[in-house]
C-alpha atoms as a PDB file:
ATOM      1  CA  GLU A   1      90.500  88.117  92.865  1.00  0.00           C
ATOM      2  CA  TYR A   2      91.597  91.340  91.212  1.00  0.00           C
ATOM      3  CA  SER A   3      89.191  93.444  93.251  1.00  0.00           C
ATOM      4  CA  ILE A   4      90.687  92.205  96.508  1.00  0.00           C
ATOM      5  CA  SER A   5      94.185  92.989  95.230  1.00  0.00           C
ATOM      6  CA  ALA A   6      93.113  96.481  94.167  1.00  0.00           C
ATOM      7  CA  ALA A   7      91.512  97.099  97.561  1.00  0.00           C
ATOM      8  CA  ALA A   8      94.658  95.947  99.383  1.00  0.00           C
ATOM      9  CA  ILE A   9      96.827  98.265  97.290  1.00  0.00           C
ATOM     10  CA  ALA A  10      94.393 101.130  97.959  1.00  0.00           C
ATOM     11  CA  ILE A  11      94.674 100.473 101.707  1.00  0.00           C
ATOM     12  CA  PHE A  12      98.458 100.773 101.405  1.00  0.00           C
ATOM     13  CA  SER A  13      97.868 104.104  99.690  1.00  0.00           C
ATOM     14  CA  VAL A  14      95.716 105.320 102.575  1.00  0.00           C
ATOM     15  CA  GLY A  15      98.441 104.235 105.003  1.00  0.00           C
ATOM     16  CA  PHE A  16     101.072 106.181 103.044  1.00  0.00           C
ATOM     17  CA  VAL A  17      98.857 109.283 103.069  1.00  0.00           C
ATOM     18  CA  ILE A  18      98.337 109.031 106.832  1.00  0.00           C
ATOM     19  CA  ILE A  19     102.064 108.614 107.514  1.00  0.00           C
ATOM     20  CA  GLY A  20     102.873 111.512 105.150  1.00  0.00           C
ATOM     21  CA  THR A  21     100.350 113.761 106.875  1.00  0.00           C
ATOM     22  CA  ILE A  22     101.806 112.902 110.280  1.00  0.00           C
ATOM     23  CA  CYS A  23     105.280 113.807 109.003  1.00  0.00           C
ATOM     24  CA  VAL A  24     104.032 117.140 107.644  1.00  0.00           C
ATOM     25  CA  LEU A  25     102.203 118.007 110.862  1.00  0.00           C
ATOM     26  CA  LEU A  26     105.236 117.139 112.991  1.00  0.00           C
ATOM     27  CA  SER A  27     107.426 119.174 110.658  1.00  0.00           C
ATOM     28  CA  PHE A  28     105.312 122.304 111.006  1.00  0.00           C
ATOM     29  CA  ARG A  29     104.721 121.969 114.715  1.00  0.00           C
ATOM     30  CA  LYS A  30     108.262 121.244 115.877  1.00  0.00           C
ATOM     31  CA  LYS A  31     110.147 123.102 113.106  1.00  0.00           C
ATOM     32  CA  ARG A  32     111.749 119.891 111.857  1.00  0.00           C
ATOM     33  CA  ASP A  33     112.179 120.516 108.162  1.00  0.00           C
ATOM     34  CA  TYR A  34     113.925 117.192 107.587  1.00  0.00           C
ATOM     35  CA  LEU A  35     110.535 115.447 107.920  1.00  0.00           C
ATOM     36  CA  LEU A  36     109.264 117.078 104.721  1.00  0.00           C
ATOM     37  CA  LYS A  37     111.388 114.829 102.493  1.00  0.00           C
ATOM     38  CA  PRO A  38     109.917 111.555 103.818  1.00  0.00           C
ATOM     39  CA  ALA A  39     106.441 113.110 103.712  1.00  0.00           C
ATOM     40  CA  SER A  40     106.874 113.947 100.037  1.00  0.00           C
ATOM     41  CA  MET A  41     108.006 110.406  99.308  1.00  0.00           C
ATOM     42  CA  PHE A  42     105.029 108.969 101.202  1.00  0.00           C
ATOM     43  CA  TYR A  43     102.647 111.142  99.151  1.00  0.00           C
ATOM     44  CA  THR A  44     104.357 110.088  95.924  1.00  0.00           C
ATOM     45  CA  PHE A  45     104.165 106.409  96.919  1.00  0.00           C
ATOM     46  CA  ALA A  46     100.482 106.866  97.762  1.00  0.00           C
ATOM     47  CA  GLY A  47      99.848 108.284  94.301  1.00  0.00           C
ATOM     48  CA  LEU A  48     101.674 105.378  92.689  1.00  0.00           C
ATOM     49  CA  CYS A  49      99.674 102.886  94.768  1.00  0.00           C
ATOM     50  CA  ILE A  50      96.441 104.526  93.635  1.00  0.00           C
ATOM     51  CA  ILE A  51      97.320 104.355  89.951  1.00  0.00           C
ATOM     52  CA  ILE A  52      98.376 100.708  90.336  1.00  0.00           C
ATOM     53  CA  SER A  53      95.081  99.978  92.098  1.00  0.00           C
ATOM     54  CA  VAL A  54      93.119 101.717  89.341  1.00  0.00           C
ATOM     55  CA  GLU A  55      94.939  99.732  86.667  1.00  0.00           C
ATOM     56  CA  VAL A  56      94.334  96.442  88.489  1.00  0.00           C
ATOM     57  CA  MET A  57      90.643  97.281  88.765  1.00  0.00           C
ATOM     58  CA  ARG A  58      90.500  98.299  85.095  1.00  0.00           C
ATOM     59  CA  GLN A  59      92.094  95.016  84.072  1.00  0.00           C
ATOM     60  CA  SER A  60      89.582  93.178  86.242  1.00  0.00           C
ATOM     61  CA  VAL A  61      86.669  94.872  84.502  1.00  0.00           C
ATOM     62  CA  LYS A  62      88.207  94.258  81.093  1.00  0.00           C
ATOM     63  CA  ARG A  63      88.719  90.583  81.866  1.00  0.00           C
ATOM     64  CA  MET A  64      85.148  90.250  83.119  1.00  0.00           C
ATOM     65  CA  ILE A  65      83.786  91.868  79.959  1.00  0.00           C
ATOM     66  CA  ASP A  66      85.935  89.696  77.678  1.00  0.00           C
ATOM     67  CA  SER A  67      84.736  86.562  79.460  1.00  0.00           C
ATOM     68  CA  LYS A  68      82.410  84.214  77.591  1.00  0.00           C
ATOM     69  CA  GLU A  69      80.083  83.907  80.592  1.00  0.00           C
ATOM     70  CA  THR A  70      79.028  87.546  80.430  1.00  0.00           C
ATOM     71  CA  ALA A  71      77.252  89.382  77.644  1.00  0.00           C
ATOM     72  CA  TRP A  72      77.915  93.094  77.949  1.00  0.00           C
ATOM     73  CA  ILE A  73      76.535  95.521  75.456  1.00  0.00           C
ATOM     74  CA  LYS A  74      77.992  98.718  76.851  1.00  0.00           C
ATOM     75  CA  TYR A  75      79.931  99.755  79.917  1.00  0.00           C
ATOM     76  CA  SER A  76      81.394 102.950  81.304  1.00  0.00           C
ATOM     77  CA  TYR A  77      83.505 103.877  84.279  1.00  0.00           C
ATOM     78  CA  SER A  78      81.816 105.673  87.147  1.00  0.00           C
ATOM     79  CA  TRP A  79      82.752 108.868  88.931  1.00  0.00           C
ATOM     80  CA  SER A  80      84.938 106.924  91.384  1.00  0.00           C
ATOM     81  CA  PHE A  81      87.305 106.019  88.546  1.00  0.00           C
ATOM     82  CA  ALA A  82      87.708 109.716  87.709  1.00  0.00           C
ATOM     83  CA  CYS A  83      88.210 110.549  91.399  1.00  0.00           C
ATOM     84  CA  ALA A  84      90.909 107.888  91.715  1.00  0.00           C
ATOM     85  CA  CYS A  85      92.723 109.208  88.651  1.00  0.00           C
ATOM     86  CA  ALA A  86      92.473 112.779  89.947  1.00  0.00           C
ATOM     87  CA  SER A  87      93.792 111.735  93.358  1.00  0.00           C
ATOM     88  CA  PHE A  88      96.746 110.037  91.666  1.00  0.00           C
ATOM     89  CA  VAL A  89      97.601 113.232  89.817  1.00  0.00           C
ATOM     90  CA  LEU A  90      97.209 115.401  92.923  1.00  0.00           C
ATOM     91  CA  LEU A  91      99.203 113.133  95.219  1.00  0.00           C
ATOM     92  CA  PHE A  92     101.985 112.527  92.720  1.00  0.00           C
ATOM     93  CA  VAL A  93     102.375 116.186  91.682  1.00  0.00           C
ATOM     94  CA  CYS A  94     102.092 117.499  95.258  1.00  0.00           C
ATOM     95  CA  GLY A  95     104.586 114.887  96.479  1.00  0.00           C
ATOM     96  CA  ILE A  96     107.129 115.951  93.854  1.00  0.00           C
ATOM     97  CA  ALA A  97     106.460 119.643  94.616  1.00  0.00           C
ATOM     98  CA  LEU A  98     106.917 119.064  98.343  1.00  0.00           C
ATOM     99  CA  LEU A  99     110.194 117.281  97.635  1.00  0.00           C
ATOM    100  CA  LEU A 100     111.414 120.210  95.554  1.00  0.00           C
ATOM    101  CA  ILE A 101     110.419 122.638  98.309  1.00  0.00           C
ATOM    102  CA  ALA A 102     112.178 120.560 100.974  1.00  0.00           C
ATOM    103  CA  LEU A 103     115.469 120.287  99.066  1.00  0.00           C
ATOM    104  CA  PRO A 104     118.232 122.620 100.217  1.00  0.00           C
ATOM    105  CA  ARG A 105     118.958 125.654  98.084  1.00  0.00           C
ATOM    106  CA  PHE A 106     121.916 125.602  95.739  1.00  0.00           C
ATOM    107  CA  PRO A 107     124.559 128.332  96.053  1.00  0.00           C
ATOM    108  CA  GLN A 108     124.260 131.207  93.619  1.00  0.00           C
ATOM    109  CA  ASN A 109     127.724 130.718  92.173  1.00  0.00           C
ATOM    110  CA  PRO A 110     129.198 127.310  93.070  1.00  0.00           C
ATOM    111  CA  TRP A 111     132.505 127.882  91.215  1.00  0.00           C
ATOM    112  CA  GLU A 112     133.300 130.928  93.308  1.00  0.00           C
ATOM    113  CA  THR A 113     133.816 128.861  96.469  1.00  0.00           C
ATOM    114  CA  CYS A 114     136.085 126.384  94.646  1.00  0.00           C
ATOM    115  CA  MET A 115     138.320 129.057  93.139  1.00  0.00           C
ATOM    116  CA  ASP A 116     138.668 130.944  96.412  1.00  0.00           C
ATOM    117  CA  ALA A 117     140.118 127.923  98.223  1.00  0.00           C
ATOM    118  CA  GLU A 118     143.841 127.680  98.917  1.00  0.00           C
ATOM    119  CA  PRO A 119     145.835 125.264  96.741  1.00  0.00           C
ATOM    120  CA  GLU A 120     146.643 121.900  98.372  1.00  0.00           C
ATOM    121  CA  HIS A 121     150.340 121.793  97.304  1.00  0.00           C
END
């Protein structure tokens, strides 16, 4: 039951990555910078879906090992577990970085524009 849930969440993650990549490609091709913000959010959501999927799968393995029907002596996670954790880190960090890049720049001295304005009296 848990494995099916983890696979479904992982498929959502793949969907978020595909939609984010489409947004990035459209942004670069048509010079539409406003598409970078949704792309960064899609990448961040994909990373969160991956870590949720990994945790669901880890809980599934833990529950199977703790079961009285199985007798496990030793277990270890395979390379796919490490790849999933690495993809979470990459997607989450790159999504946040892309969001920071896509944000508009702040003025150098924001108080200067307020003090230069005419009084409203």
